[in-house]
Amino acid sequence: MDATLISLIVAFGFGLVSFLLTRWWSRRSQQKKTERERAATAASQSRQVRRARERRRHR
C-alpha cells in the first residue's frame, strides 16, 4: 500500500471518531442543561403548584 493511502485511511478514521465523540458529548451536555433548567423552573414554582403537579403525577 502507498503511504498516502494509509494516511488518508488514518485521517478518515480519526475524523470519524472525532465526529462521533463530539456528537455524543454535545448531546450529553444538552441533556444536562435541560435537566438544570427543569430543576430551576420547578424550584421557582410555588408550593401549591408543586403539590398540584405531584398529585397529577401520582394518579
N, C-alpha and C. Protein backbone atom coordinates (compact mmCIF):
# COMPACT_ATOMS: atom_id res chain seq x y z
N MET A 1 0.83 -1.19 0.00
CA MET A 1 0.00 0.00 0.00
C MET A 1 0.88 1.25 0.00
N ASP A 2 0.38 2.23 -0.61
CA ASP A 2 1.07 3.51 -0.68
C ASP A 2 0.89 4.27 0.65
N ALA A 3 1.89 5.02 1.07
CA ALA A 3 1.83 5.77 2.32
C ALA A 3 0.72 6.81 2.29
N THR A 4 0.44 7.37 1.13
CA THR A 4 -0.62 8.37 1.02
C THR A 4 -1.98 7.75 1.29
N LEU A 5 -2.20 6.55 0.78
CA LEU A 5 -3.47 5.86 1.00
C LEU A 5 -3.64 5.53 2.48
N ILE A 6 -2.58 5.06 3.10
CA ILE A 6 -2.65 4.75 4.54
C ILE A 6 -2.93 6.02 5.34
N SER A 7 -2.29 7.11 4.98
CA SER A 7 -2.52 8.39 5.66
C SER A 7 -3.97 8.84 5.52
N LEU A 8 -4.53 8.66 4.33
CA LEU A 8 -5.93 9.04 4.11
C LEU A 8 -6.87 8.17 4.95
N ILE A 9 -6.60 6.89 5.02
CA ILE A 9 -7.44 5.99 5.81
C ILE A 9 -7.36 6.36 7.29
N VAL A 10 -6.15 6.62 7.78
CA VAL A 10 -5.98 7.01 9.18
C VAL A 10 -6.68 8.35 9.45
N ALA A 11 -6.53 9.30 8.57
CA ALA A 11 -7.16 10.61 8.74
C ALA A 11 -8.68 10.47 8.74
N PHE A 12 -9.21 9.64 7.86
CA PHE A 12 -10.66 9.42 7.81
C PHE A 12 -11.13 8.78 9.11
N GLY A 13 -10.38 7.81 9.62
CA GLY A 13 -10.75 7.14 10.87
C GLY A 13 -10.76 8.12 12.04
N PHE A 14 -9.72 8.93 12.15
CA PHE A 14 -9.66 9.92 13.22
C PHE A 14 -10.79 10.95 13.08
N GLY A 15 -11.08 11.34 11.87
CA GLY A 15 -12.17 12.29 11.65
C GLY A 15 -13.51 11.71 12.07
N LEU A 16 -13.74 10.45 11.74
CA LEU A 16 -14.99 9.79 12.10
C LEU A 16 -15.12 9.67 13.62
N VAL A 17 -14.05 9.23 14.26
CA VAL A 17 -14.07 9.10 15.72
C VAL A 17 -14.29 10.46 16.38
N SER A 18 -13.63 11.49 15.87
CA SER A 18 -13.79 12.83 16.41
C SER A 18 -15.24 13.31 16.25
N PHE A 19 -15.82 13.06 15.09
CA PHE A 19 -17.21 13.45 14.85
C PHE A 19 -18.14 12.77 15.83
N LEU A 20 -17.97 11.46 16.02
CA LEU A 20 -18.86 10.71 16.90
C LEU A 20 -18.71 11.13 18.36
N LEU A 21 -17.47 11.35 18.80
CA LEU A 21 -17.26 11.80 20.18
C LEU A 21 -17.85 13.18 20.43
N THR A 22 -17.67 14.08 19.47
CA THR A 22 -18.23 15.43 19.60
C THR A 22 -19.74 15.39 19.66
N ARG A 23 -20.34 14.58 18.82
CA ARG A 23 -21.80 14.44 18.81
C ARG A 23 -22.31 13.89 20.13
N TRP A 24 -21.63 12.86 20.66
CA TRP A 24 -22.03 12.26 21.93
C TRP A 24 -21.90 13.29 23.06
N TRP A 25 -20.77 14.02 23.09
CA TRP A 25 -20.54 15.00 24.13
C TRP A 25 -21.57 16.12 24.08
N SER A 26 -21.91 16.55 22.87
CA SER A 26 -22.87 17.63 22.69
C SER A 26 -24.25 17.22 23.21
N ARG A 27 -24.68 16.02 22.88
CA ARG A 27 -25.99 15.55 23.35
C ARG A 27 -26.01 15.42 24.87
N ARG A 28 -24.92 14.94 25.42
CA ARG A 28 -24.84 14.76 26.87
C ARG A 28 -24.90 16.11 27.58
N SER A 29 -24.19 17.09 27.09
CA SER A 29 -24.21 18.41 27.73
C SER A 29 -25.58 19.07 27.54
N GLN A 30 -26.24 18.83 26.42
CA GLN A 30 -27.59 19.38 26.21
C GLN A 30 -28.58 18.76 27.19
N GLN A 31 -28.45 17.47 27.45
CA GLN A 31 -29.33 16.82 28.43
C GLN A 31 -29.12 17.40 29.82
N LYS A 32 -27.87 17.63 30.19
CA LYS A 32 -27.58 18.22 31.50
C LYS A 32 -28.17 19.62 31.60
N LYS A 33 -28.04 20.40 30.53
CA LYS A 33 -28.58 21.76 30.53
C LYS A 33 -30.09 21.74 30.68
N THR A 34 -30.75 20.84 29.96
CA THR A 34 -32.20 20.73 30.05
C THR A 34 -32.62 20.35 31.46
N GLU A 35 -31.90 19.41 32.07
CA GLU A 35 -32.23 19.00 33.43
C GLU A 35 -32.03 20.14 34.42
N ARG A 36 -30.96 20.92 34.27
CA ARG A 36 -30.74 22.07 35.15
C ARG A 36 -31.86 23.10 35.01
N GLU A 37 -32.29 23.36 33.77
CA GLU A 37 -33.37 24.32 33.53
C GLU A 37 -34.68 23.83 34.13
N ARG A 38 -34.95 22.52 33.99
CA ARG A 38 -36.17 21.95 34.55
C ARG A 38 -36.16 22.06 36.07
N ALA A 39 -35.01 21.79 36.68
CA ALA A 39 -34.90 21.89 38.14
C ALA A 39 -35.06 23.33 38.60
N ALA A 40 -34.52 24.29 37.86
CA ALA A 40 -34.66 25.69 38.22
C ALA A 40 -36.10 26.14 38.11
N THR A 41 -36.79 25.69 37.08
CA THR A 41 -38.21 26.03 36.91
C THR A 41 -39.03 25.45 38.05
N ALA A 42 -38.78 24.20 38.38
CA ALA A 42 -39.52 23.56 39.47
C ALA A 42 -39.25 24.25 40.80
N ALA A 43 -38.02 24.69 41.02
CA ALA A 43 -37.67 25.35 42.28
C ALA A 43 -38.33 26.72 42.40
N SER A 44 -38.58 27.36 41.29
CA SER A 44 -39.16 28.70 41.35
C SER A 44 -40.69 28.68 41.45
N GLN A 45 -41.29 27.52 41.30
CA GLN A 45 -42.75 27.43 41.39
C GLN A 45 -43.19 27.49 42.85
N SER A 46 -44.44 27.91 43.04
CA SER A 46 -44.96 27.99 44.40
C SER A 46 -45.23 26.57 44.93
N ARG A 47 -45.36 26.47 46.23
CA ARG A 47 -45.62 25.16 46.86
C ARG A 47 -46.94 24.59 46.36
N GLN A 48 -47.94 25.44 46.18
CA GLN A 48 -49.24 24.98 45.71
C GLN A 48 -49.13 24.36 44.31
N VAL A 49 -48.37 24.99 43.43
CA VAL A 49 -48.19 24.48 42.07
C VAL A 49 -47.44 23.15 42.11
N ARG A 50 -46.39 23.06 42.93
CA ARG A 50 -45.62 21.82 43.04
C ARG A 50 -46.49 20.68 43.55
N ARG A 51 -47.31 20.94 44.56
CA ARG A 51 -48.17 19.88 45.09
C ARG A 51 -49.22 19.45 44.09
N ALA A 52 -49.76 20.38 43.33
CA ALA A 52 -50.73 20.03 42.29
C ALA A 52 -50.08 19.15 41.24
N ARG A 53 -48.85 19.48 40.86
CA ARG A 53 -48.13 18.67 39.87
C ARG A 53 -47.86 17.27 40.42
N GLU A 54 -47.49 17.17 41.69
CA GLU A 54 -47.26 15.86 42.30
C GLU A 54 -48.54 15.05 42.36
N ARG A 55 -49.66 15.69 42.67
CA ARG A 55 -50.93 14.95 42.71
C ARG A 55 -51.28 14.40 41.33
N ARG A 56 -51.06 15.21 40.28
CA ARG A 56 -51.34 14.74 38.92
C ARG A 56 -50.44 13.56 38.55
N ARG A 57 -49.20 13.63 39.01
CA ARG A 57 -48.24 12.58 38.67
C ARG A 57 -48.57 11.26 39.35
N HIS A 58 -49.19 11.30 40.53
CA HIS A 58 -49.47 10.08 41.28
C HIS A 58 -50.79 9.43 40.89
N ARG A 59 -51.52 10.01 40.00
CA ARG A 59 -52.80 9.41 39.57
C ARG A 59 -52.59 8.25 38.68
